[in-house]
Amino acid sequence: MVITHHGGQCFKVTLGDLTIVFDPINKGATLPSARFGADIALVSRDHPDMNGVSEVTYGEKVPFAITGPGEYERQGVVIQGFLSKSAYGLAKGQTEALNTIYTVDLEDMTLVHLGALADAELSKEARESIDEIDVLFVPVGGDGVLSPEAAHKLAVSLEPKIIIPMHWSGIGEPKSLEAFLKAAGSTGEKVDKLTLKKKDLVGLDGRILVVTP
């Protein structure tokens, strides 16, 4: 499994010929969109910074788009979506928006992407359904999502093997990544891409990896 970061909350996960994307960036977004073909596209928040399914429709690849809570299975990948709340990019008069937390079971590993989460705690349903987390993608940028301090507290409580901060590159408050690392008492290990196998996770406990775009 190879994980690459395309800015904001957009992460591409590839496994052989299979490509999954979390929160693809749309045209007209705060960030430049990334164009590539995906088999499965997961959208946590209906906002141009995260809903660019058309941008990952490329060549013969037309992604199976998941845009809300529920249970899904596609190409051997089991996905669950849990309802939560966001305050990111609200329209005038809005006080909150819907956000979906996704769990993806892939190659005997569980990835959890919290989306543009503003809730400091997960719902009871999500807590009961999400068991052992191998890789946790957590928003750290404030400005409608978790603050760096709240993000760290929630991440630690979920006990993942690897924590990948997001919503700090191109969006989010300035120096939010630095504030998150400070709260964690870590310098964070920076990588251009993360290549991961199940055996690599043995003995890891909350290791923070910053995947740079």
Protein backbone atom coordinates (compact mmCIF):
# COMPACT_ATOMS: atom_id res chain seq x y z
CA MET A 1 0.00 0.00 0.00
CA VAL A 2 1.29 3.44 -0.95
CA ILE A 3 -0.19 6.64 0.54
CA THR A 4 0.46 10.03 -1.06
CA HIS A 5 -0.80 13.47 -0.02
CA HIS A 6 -2.22 15.95 -2.54
CA GLY A 7 -2.86 18.87 -0.17
CA GLY A 8 -5.70 19.66 2.20
CA GLN A 9 -7.43 16.41 3.11
CA CYS A 10 -6.77 14.68 -0.19
CA PHE A 11 -4.87 11.39 0.07
CA LYS A 12 -4.40 8.78 -2.63
CA VAL A 13 -4.04 5.17 -1.54
CA THR A 14 -2.82 2.68 -4.12
CA LEU A 15 -2.60 -1.07 -3.87
CA GLY A 16 -1.58 -2.77 -7.09
CA ASP A 17 -4.03 -1.60 -9.76
CA LEU A 18 -6.52 -0.31 -7.17
CA THR A 19 -6.64 3.42 -6.39
CA ILE A 20 -8.69 4.93 -3.57
CA VAL A 21 -8.88 8.66 -2.91
CA PHE A 22 -10.08 10.50 0.18
CA ASP A 23 -11.52 14.01 -0.28
CA PRO A 24 -10.43 14.76 -3.86
CA ILE A 25 -10.08 18.48 -4.56
CA ASN A 26 -12.55 19.99 -7.03
CA LYS A 27 -12.19 22.78 -9.56
CA GLY A 28 -12.64 26.23 -8.02
CA ALA A 29 -11.41 25.06 -4.63
CA THR A 30 -9.02 26.78 -2.24
CA LEU A 31 -6.35 24.34 -3.44
CA PRO A 32 -5.29 23.30 -6.93
CA SER A 33 -7.08 20.11 -7.93
CA ALA A 34 -5.14 16.91 -8.54
CA ARG A 35 -6.01 14.99 -11.71
CA PHE A 36 -5.68 11.20 -11.67
CA GLY A 37 -7.91 8.17 -12.08
CA ALA A 38 -9.44 6.53 -9.02
CA ASP A 39 -11.52 3.38 -8.53
CA ILE A 40 -13.13 4.55 -5.29
CA ALA A 41 -13.62 8.17 -4.19
CA LEU A 42 -14.66 9.02 -0.62
CA VAL A 43 -16.09 12.48 0.09
CA SER A 44 -16.38 13.54 3.73
CA ARG A 45 -17.78 17.05 3.25
CA ASP A 46 -19.73 18.50 0.33
CA HIS A 47 -17.33 21.38 -0.33
CA PRO A 48 -15.06 22.06 -3.35
CA ASP A 49 -11.98 21.40 -1.21
CA MET A 50 -13.21 17.82 -0.72
CA ASN A 51 -15.84 16.81 -3.31
CA GLY A 52 -13.93 16.65 -6.59
CA VAL A 53 -15.13 13.28 -7.85
CA SER A 54 -15.04 14.59 -11.44
CA GLU A 55 -11.34 15.40 -11.05
CA VAL A 56 -10.48 11.76 -10.30
CA THR A 57 -12.52 10.49 -13.24
CA TYR A 58 -9.75 10.00 -15.74
CA GLY A 59 -9.39 7.87 -18.84
CA GLU A 60 -11.15 4.56 -18.28
CA LYS A 61 -11.34 5.09 -14.53
CA VAL A 62 -14.73 6.24 -13.28
CA PRO A 63 -14.72 6.07 -9.48
CA PHE A 64 -17.36 4.51 -7.31
CA ALA A 65 -18.27 7.63 -5.32
CA ILE A 66 -19.22 7.43 -1.65
CA THR A 67 -20.54 10.68 -0.22
CA GLY A 68 -22.17 9.79 3.09
CA PRO A 69 -22.74 7.31 5.92
CA GLY A 70 -23.44 3.63 5.33
CA GLU A 71 -21.76 0.31 4.63
CA TYR A 72 -20.16 -0.35 1.27
CA GLU A 73 -18.10 -3.02 -0.45
CA ARG A 74 -16.32 -2.50 -3.75
CA GLN A 75 -13.56 -4.53 -5.40
CA GLY A 76 -12.98 -6.42 -2.17
CA VAL A 77 -12.66 -3.23 -0.11
CA VAL A 78 -15.01 -2.87 2.88
CA ILE A 79 -15.92 0.73 3.75
CA GLN A 80 -18.05 2.20 6.51
CA GLY A 81 -19.17 5.81 6.83
CA PHE A 82 -20.27 7.44 10.08
CA LEU A 83 -22.18 10.69 10.43
CA SER A 84 -20.47 13.55 12.23
CA LYS A 85 -20.33 17.36 12.09
CA SER A 86 -18.11 19.95 10.50
CA ALA A 87 -17.97 23.73 10.66
CA TYR A 88 -15.57 24.11 7.74
CA GLY A 89 -16.46 26.37 4.82
CA LEU A 90 -19.99 27.12 5.99
CA ALA A 91 -22.35 29.14 3.83
CA LYS A 92 -23.83 32.34 5.23
CA GLY A 93 -26.37 31.48 7.91
CA GLN A 94 -25.12 27.91 8.35
CA THR A 95 -24.01 26.87 11.83
CA GLU A 96 -22.82 23.37 10.96
CA ALA A 97 -22.51 20.93 8.08
CA LEU A 98 -22.55 17.17 7.68
CA ASN A 99 -19.25 15.32 7.73
CA THR A 100 -18.60 11.64 7.17
CA ILE A 101 -15.89 9.66 8.95
CA TYR A 102 -14.71 6.72 6.85
CA THR A 103 -13.12 3.42 7.80
CA VAL A 104 -11.51 1.41 5.01
CA ASP A 105 -10.38 -2.19 5.45
CA LEU A 106 -7.65 -2.91 2.94
CA GLU A 107 -4.92 -5.56 2.83
CA ASP A 108 -5.64 -6.58 6.45
CA MET A 109 -5.20 -2.96 7.59
CA THR A 110 -7.79 -0.44 8.79
CA LEU A 111 -7.55 3.17 7.64
CA VAL A 112 -9.71 5.81 9.32
CA HIS A 113 -10.15 9.23 7.70
CA LEU A 114 -11.92 11.73 9.97
CA GLY A 115 -12.73 14.20 7.19
CA ALA A 116 -13.39 17.84 8.12
CA LEU A 117 -14.38 16.84 11.63
CA ALA A 118 -15.30 19.47 14.21
CA ASP A 119 -16.60 17.10 16.91
CA ALA A 120 -14.10 16.59 19.73
CA GLU A 121 -15.44 13.06 20.27
CA LEU A 122 -16.78 10.38 17.95
CA SER A 123 -20.40 9.25 18.07
CA LYS A 124 -21.28 6.16 20.08
CA GLU A 125 -21.97 4.26 16.83
CA ALA A 126 -18.54 5.12 15.43
CA ARG A 127 -16.77 4.31 18.70
CA GLU A 128 -18.44 0.91 18.90
CA SER A 129 -17.79 0.05 15.25
CA ILE A 130 -14.22 1.28 14.90
CA ASP A 131 -11.94 -1.21 16.56
CA GLU A 132 -8.22 -1.36 15.93
CA ILE A 133 -6.95 1.53 13.80
CA ASP A 134 -3.76 1.10 11.82
CA VAL A 135 -3.65 4.52 10.13
CA LEU A 136 -5.59 7.57 11.32
CA PHE A 137 -5.94 10.71 9.18
CA VAL A 138 -6.83 13.58 11.52
CA PRO A 139 -7.61 17.24 10.64
CA VAL A 140 -5.48 19.62 12.71
CA GLY A 141 -6.15 23.01 11.13
CA GLY A 142 -8.82 24.65 13.26
CA ASP A 143 -11.02 27.06 11.24
CA GLY A 144 -14.07 24.79 11.31
CA VAL A 145 -12.25 21.52 11.99
CA LEU A 146 -10.49 20.24 15.11
CA SER A 147 -7.94 22.54 16.70
CA PRO A 148 -4.39 21.15 16.88
CA GLU A 149 -4.81 20.42 20.60
CA ALA A 150 -8.24 18.77 20.23
CA ALA A 151 -6.96 16.78 17.24
CA HIS A 152 -4.07 15.41 19.29
CA LYS A 153 -6.32 14.51 22.22
CA LEU A 154 -8.81 12.66 19.99
CA ALA A 155 -6.07 10.92 18.02
CA VAL A 156 -4.40 9.60 21.17
CA SER A 157 -7.75 8.38 22.55
CA LEU A 158 -8.33 6.29 19.41
CA GLU A 159 -4.98 4.51 19.88
CA PRO A 160 -3.94 4.20 16.21
CA LYS A 161 -0.60 2.74 15.22
CA ILE A 162 0.13 5.65 12.85
CA ILE A 163 -1.25 9.21 12.95
CA ILE A 164 -1.19 11.29 9.76
CA PRO A 165 -2.12 14.98 10.30
CA MET A 166 -4.07 16.70 7.51
CA HIS A 167 -5.88 19.99 6.81
CA TRP A 168 -2.68 21.97 7.30
CA SER A 169 -1.34 22.16 3.75
CA GLY A 170 -3.05 24.89 1.73
CA ILE A 171 -6.03 25.11 4.09
CA GLY A 172 -6.37 25.48 7.83
CA GLU A 173 -4.89 28.09 10.14
CA PRO A 174 -1.21 29.09 9.74
CA LYS A 175 1.28 26.91 11.64
CA SER A 176 -1.42 24.42 12.64
CA LEU A 177 0.88 21.49 11.89
CA GLU A 178 3.57 22.95 14.16
CA ALA A 179 0.96 23.46 16.91
CA PHE A 180 -0.21 19.85 16.55
CA LEU A 181 3.33 18.49 16.78
CA LYS A 182 3.99 20.70 19.81
CA ALA A 183 0.86 19.33 21.53
CA ALA A 184 2.10 15.83 20.76
CA GLY A 185 5.62 16.61 22.00
CA SER A 186 6.94 15.34 18.67
CA THR A 187 8.91 16.68 15.74
CA GLY A 188 7.02 14.30 13.44
CA GLU A 189 8.72 12.22 10.79
CA LYS A 190 8.31 13.70 7.31
CA VAL A 191 7.96 11.47 4.24
CA ASP A 192 7.13 12.20 0.60
CA LYS A 193 5.02 9.06 0.43
CA LEU A 194 4.24 6.25 2.82
CA THR A 195 4.75 2.66 1.70
CA LEU A 196 3.14 0.34 4.21
CA LYS A 197 2.68 -3.36 4.83
CA LYS A 198 0.97 -5.00 7.78
CA LYS A 199 4.28 -6.21 9.20
CA ASP A 200 5.56 -2.61 9.31
CA LEU A 201 2.95 -1.79 11.96
CA VAL A 202 4.21 -4.24 14.58
CA GLY A 203 5.15 -2.39 17.75
CA LEU A 204 3.94 1.02 16.58
CA ASP A 205 1.81 3.12 18.94
CA GLY A 206 0.68 6.57 17.84
CA ARG A 207 3.65 7.24 15.60
CA ILE A 208 3.17 10.60 13.84
CA LEU A 209 4.08 10.67 10.16
CA VAL A 210 3.76 13.90 8.17
CA VAL A 211 3.13 12.96 4.53
CA THR A 212 4.16 16.06 2.58
CA PRO A 213 2.28 17.01 -0.61
